[in-house]
Amino acid sequence: MSYTRPVKFSVTNQYGCGPDGEDDVYTVEEFLAHVQGGSFIDYDGHGRPVKDGMADENIVIKPSRVHEIPKDATHVVWFNR
């Protein structure tokens, strides 16, 4: 894994309504719950895995492929379409 892009967040699970200038970030557990509940689908956008405040830009996370979230990831940064 190559966690190299800084991710800015002070809170998680804000569904795009977090503090100005911050990324839309979820814990892996929060992200999985949103996917299971139908809040995120592939059409909506994509995510990147996050560890220690850094994202891996080489991995794209689609809601239909959550099984591909790396085991060492603690969060997912989400990018809406």
N, C-alpha and C. Protein backbone atom coordinates (compact mmCIF):
# COMPACT_ATOMS: atom_id res chain seq x y z
N MET A 1 0.84 -1.18 0.00
CA MET A 1 0.00 0.00 0.00
C MET A 1 0.88 1.24 0.00
N SER A 2 0.36 2.27 -0.60
CA SER A 2 1.12 3.51 -0.72
C SER A 2 0.27 4.69 -0.24
N TYR A 3 0.22 4.86 1.07
CA TYR A 3 -0.57 5.94 1.66
C TYR A 3 0.27 7.21 1.61
N THR A 4 -0.01 8.07 0.63
CA THR A 4 0.85 9.23 0.41
C THR A 4 0.11 10.57 0.35
N ARG A 5 -1.21 10.56 0.16
CA ARG A 5 -1.95 11.82 0.03
C ARG A 5 -2.56 12.21 1.37
N PRO A 6 -2.20 13.38 1.91
CA PRO A 6 -2.79 13.81 3.17
C PRO A 6 -4.31 14.00 3.06
N VAL A 7 -5.00 13.56 4.08
CA VAL A 7 -6.46 13.71 4.16
C VAL A 7 -6.76 14.60 5.36
N LYS A 8 -7.60 15.61 5.13
CA LYS A 8 -7.91 16.55 6.21
C LYS A 8 -9.31 16.26 6.75
N PHE A 9 -9.38 15.89 8.05
CA PHE A 9 -10.67 15.69 8.67
C PHE A 9 -10.53 15.77 10.19
N SER A 10 -11.56 16.33 10.81
CA SER A 10 -11.60 16.40 12.26
C SER A 10 -12.78 15.60 12.81
N VAL A 11 -13.73 15.27 11.93
CA VAL A 11 -14.89 14.46 12.28
C VAL A 11 -15.14 13.49 11.13
N THR A 12 -15.89 12.43 11.42
CA THR A 12 -16.25 11.47 10.38
C THR A 12 -17.76 11.36 10.29
N ASN A 13 -18.20 10.70 9.23
CA ASN A 13 -19.61 10.34 9.06
C ASN A 13 -20.52 11.57 8.96
N GLN A 14 -20.08 12.58 8.24
CA GLN A 14 -20.86 13.81 8.09
C GLN A 14 -21.64 13.84 6.78
N TYR A 15 -21.51 12.83 5.96
CA TYR A 15 -22.27 12.69 4.71
C TYR A 15 -22.20 13.96 3.86
N GLY A 16 -20.96 14.45 3.70
CA GLY A 16 -20.73 15.61 2.84
C GLY A 16 -21.01 16.95 3.50
N CYS A 17 -21.34 16.96 4.77
CA CYS A 17 -21.70 18.21 5.45
C CYS A 17 -20.75 18.54 6.59
N GLY A 18 -19.51 18.10 6.48
CA GLY A 18 -18.52 18.36 7.51
C GLY A 18 -17.98 19.78 7.42
N PRO A 19 -17.01 20.09 8.25
CA PRO A 19 -16.41 21.43 8.25
C PRO A 19 -15.85 21.83 6.89
N ASP A 20 -15.96 23.12 6.57
CA ASP A 20 -15.43 23.63 5.31
C ASP A 20 -13.94 23.33 5.19
N GLY A 21 -13.53 22.97 4.00
CA GLY A 21 -12.12 22.72 3.74
C GLY A 21 -11.64 21.34 4.15
N GLU A 22 -12.56 20.51 4.65
CA GLU A 22 -12.17 19.16 5.06
C GLU A 22 -12.73 18.13 4.09
N ASP A 23 -12.06 16.98 4.06
CA ASP A 23 -12.50 15.87 3.21
C ASP A 23 -13.69 15.16 3.84
N ASP A 24 -14.44 14.43 3.02
CA ASP A 24 -15.59 13.64 3.47
C ASP A 24 -15.07 12.26 3.85
N VAL A 25 -14.92 12.00 5.14
CA VAL A 25 -14.24 10.80 5.63
C VAL A 25 -15.16 9.99 6.53
N TYR A 26 -15.03 8.66 6.42
CA TYR A 26 -15.80 7.71 7.22
C TYR A 26 -14.85 6.67 7.78
N THR A 27 -15.13 6.18 8.98
CA THR A 27 -14.40 5.00 9.41
C THR A 27 -14.80 3.88 8.48
N VAL A 28 -14.01 2.84 8.41
CA VAL A 28 -14.37 1.72 7.54
C VAL A 28 -15.73 1.18 7.97
N GLU A 29 -15.98 1.08 9.27
CA GLU A 29 -17.25 0.55 9.77
C GLU A 29 -18.42 1.45 9.36
N GLU A 30 -18.25 2.77 9.47
CA GLU A 30 -19.30 3.70 9.05
C GLU A 30 -19.57 3.57 7.56
N PHE A 31 -18.50 3.48 6.77
CA PHE A 31 -18.65 3.37 5.32
C PHE A 31 -19.40 2.09 4.96
N LEU A 32 -19.04 0.98 5.58
CA LEU A 32 -19.71 -0.29 5.30
C LEU A 32 -21.20 -0.22 5.66
N ALA A 33 -21.53 0.44 6.76
CA ALA A 33 -22.93 0.58 7.16
C ALA A 33 -23.70 1.41 6.13
N HIS A 34 -23.09 2.47 5.61
CA HIS A 34 -23.75 3.28 4.57
C HIS A 34 -23.97 2.46 3.31
N VAL A 35 -22.99 1.67 2.93
CA VAL A 35 -23.12 0.83 1.73
C VAL A 35 -24.23 -0.19 1.95
N GLN A 36 -24.22 -0.86 3.08
CA GLN A 36 -25.25 -1.88 3.36
C GLN A 36 -26.64 -1.27 3.42
N GLY A 37 -26.73 -0.01 3.87
CA GLY A 37 -28.02 0.67 3.94
C GLY A 37 -28.45 1.31 2.63
N GLY A 38 -27.59 1.26 1.61
CA GLY A 38 -27.93 1.81 0.31
C GLY A 38 -27.65 3.30 0.15
N SER A 39 -26.97 3.90 1.13
CA SER A 39 -26.66 5.33 1.05
C SER A 39 -25.61 5.64 -0.01
N PHE A 40 -24.71 4.70 -0.24
CA PHE A 40 -23.68 4.86 -1.27
C PHE A 40 -23.83 3.73 -2.28
N ILE A 41 -23.87 4.10 -3.55
CA ILE A 41 -23.85 3.12 -4.64
C ILE A 41 -22.76 3.55 -5.61
N ASP A 42 -22.38 2.66 -6.49
CA ASP A 42 -21.28 2.95 -7.42
C ASP A 42 -21.50 4.22 -8.21
N TYR A 43 -22.73 4.50 -8.59
CA TYR A 43 -23.03 5.69 -9.39
C TYR A 43 -22.68 6.98 -8.63
N ASP A 44 -22.73 6.94 -7.30
CA ASP A 44 -22.53 8.14 -6.49
C ASP A 44 -21.11 8.68 -6.52
N GLY A 45 -20.14 7.83 -6.67
CA GLY A 45 -18.74 8.26 -6.64
C GLY A 45 -17.82 7.13 -6.28
N HIS A 46 -16.69 7.48 -5.64
CA HIS A 46 -15.72 6.46 -5.25
C HIS A 46 -14.97 6.93 -4.01
N GLY A 47 -14.26 6.01 -3.40
CA GLY A 47 -13.48 6.33 -2.23
C GLY A 47 -12.04 5.90 -2.38
N ARG A 48 -11.25 6.25 -1.39
CA ARG A 48 -9.85 5.83 -1.29
C ARG A 48 -9.61 5.39 0.15
N PRO A 49 -8.80 4.34 0.34
CA PRO A 49 -8.52 3.92 1.70
C PRO A 49 -7.59 4.91 2.41
N VAL A 50 -7.76 5.03 3.71
CA VAL A 50 -6.98 5.96 4.52
C VAL A 50 -6.38 5.22 5.72
N LYS A 51 -5.12 5.55 6.00
CA LYS A 51 -4.43 5.02 7.18
C LYS A 51 -3.52 6.12 7.70
N ASP A 52 -3.57 6.37 8.99
CA ASP A 52 -2.73 7.39 9.62
C ASP A 52 -2.87 8.76 8.94
N GLY A 53 -4.11 9.09 8.53
CA GLY A 53 -4.36 10.40 7.93
C GLY A 53 -3.87 10.57 6.51
N MET A 54 -3.52 9.47 5.86
CA MET A 54 -3.02 9.52 4.48
C MET A 54 -3.83 8.54 3.62
N ALA A 55 -4.16 8.97 2.39
CA ALA A 55 -4.92 8.14 1.46
C ALA A 55 -4.00 7.46 0.46
N ASP A 56 -4.41 6.30 0.01
CA ASP A 56 -3.71 5.58 -1.06
C ASP A 56 -4.44 5.90 -2.36
N GLU A 57 -3.82 6.71 -3.21
CA GLU A 57 -4.44 7.12 -4.46
C GLU A 57 -4.37 6.05 -5.55
N ASN A 58 -3.74 4.94 -5.27
CA ASN A 58 -3.65 3.85 -6.25
C ASN A 58 -4.82 2.88 -6.13
N ILE A 59 -5.63 3.02 -5.10
CA ILE A 59 -6.75 2.10 -4.87
C ILE A 59 -8.05 2.88 -4.94
N VAL A 60 -8.97 2.41 -5.78
CA VAL A 60 -10.30 2.99 -5.90
C VAL A 60 -11.27 2.05 -5.19
N ILE A 61 -12.07 2.63 -4.30
CA ILE A 61 -13.06 1.83 -3.58
C ILE A 61 -14.44 2.18 -4.12
N LYS A 62 -15.11 1.18 -4.67
CA LYS A 62 -16.48 1.31 -5.13
C LYS A 62 -17.38 0.59 -4.13
N PRO A 63 -18.58 1.09 -3.88
CA PRO A 63 -19.47 0.42 -2.94
C PRO A 63 -19.73 -1.04 -3.26
N SER A 64 -19.74 -1.40 -4.52
CA SER A 64 -19.99 -2.80 -4.89
C SER A 64 -18.77 -3.68 -4.65
N ARG A 65 -17.64 -3.08 -4.28
CA ARG A 65 -16.41 -3.84 -4.12
C ARG A 65 -15.74 -3.54 -2.77
N VAL A 66 -16.56 -3.37 -1.73
CA VAL A 66 -16.01 -3.03 -0.42
C VAL A 66 -15.08 -4.12 0.12
N HIS A 67 -15.22 -5.33 -0.40
CA HIS A 67 -14.33 -6.41 0.04
C HIS A 67 -12.87 -6.13 -0.35
N GLU A 68 -12.64 -5.13 -1.22
CA GLU A 68 -11.29 -4.79 -1.63
C GLU A 68 -10.65 -3.69 -0.76
N ILE A 69 -11.36 -3.23 0.27
CA ILE A 69 -10.76 -2.25 1.19
C ILE A 69 -9.60 -2.95 1.89
N PRO A 70 -8.40 -2.37 1.84
CA PRO A 70 -7.25 -3.02 2.48
C PRO A 70 -7.49 -3.23 3.98
N LYS A 71 -6.99 -4.33 4.48
CA LYS A 71 -7.18 -4.69 5.90
C LYS A 71 -6.54 -3.66 6.83
N ASP A 72 -5.50 -2.96 6.38
CA ASP A 72 -4.84 -1.99 7.26
C ASP A 72 -5.49 -0.60 7.22
N ALA A 73 -6.47 -0.40 6.34
CA ALA A 73 -7.15 0.90 6.26
C ALA A 73 -8.04 1.09 7.48
N THR A 74 -8.06 2.32 7.99
CA THR A 74 -8.91 2.65 9.13
C THR A 74 -10.10 3.50 8.72
N HIS A 75 -9.97 4.21 7.60
CA HIS A 75 -10.98 5.14 7.12
C HIS A 75 -11.11 5.05 5.60
N VAL A 76 -12.15 5.68 5.10
CA VAL A 76 -12.36 5.83 3.65
C VAL A 76 -12.66 7.30 3.41
N VAL A 77 -11.92 7.92 2.47
CA VAL A 77 -12.24 9.28 2.04
C VAL A 77 -13.12 9.13 0.81
N TRP A 78 -14.26 9.81 0.80
CA TRP A 78 -15.27 9.66 -0.25
C TRP A 78 -15.28 10.87 -1.17
N PHE A 79 -15.41 10.60 -2.47
CA PHE A 79 -15.48 11.64 -3.48
C PHE A 79 -16.79 11.46 -4.26
N ASN A 80 -17.76 12.33 -4.01
CA ASN A 80 -19.03 12.29 -4.74
C ASN A 80 -18.79 12.67 -6.19
N ARG A 81 -19.66 12.16 -7.07
CA ARG A 81 -19.61 12.53 -8.49
C ARG A 81 -19.98 13.97 -8.65
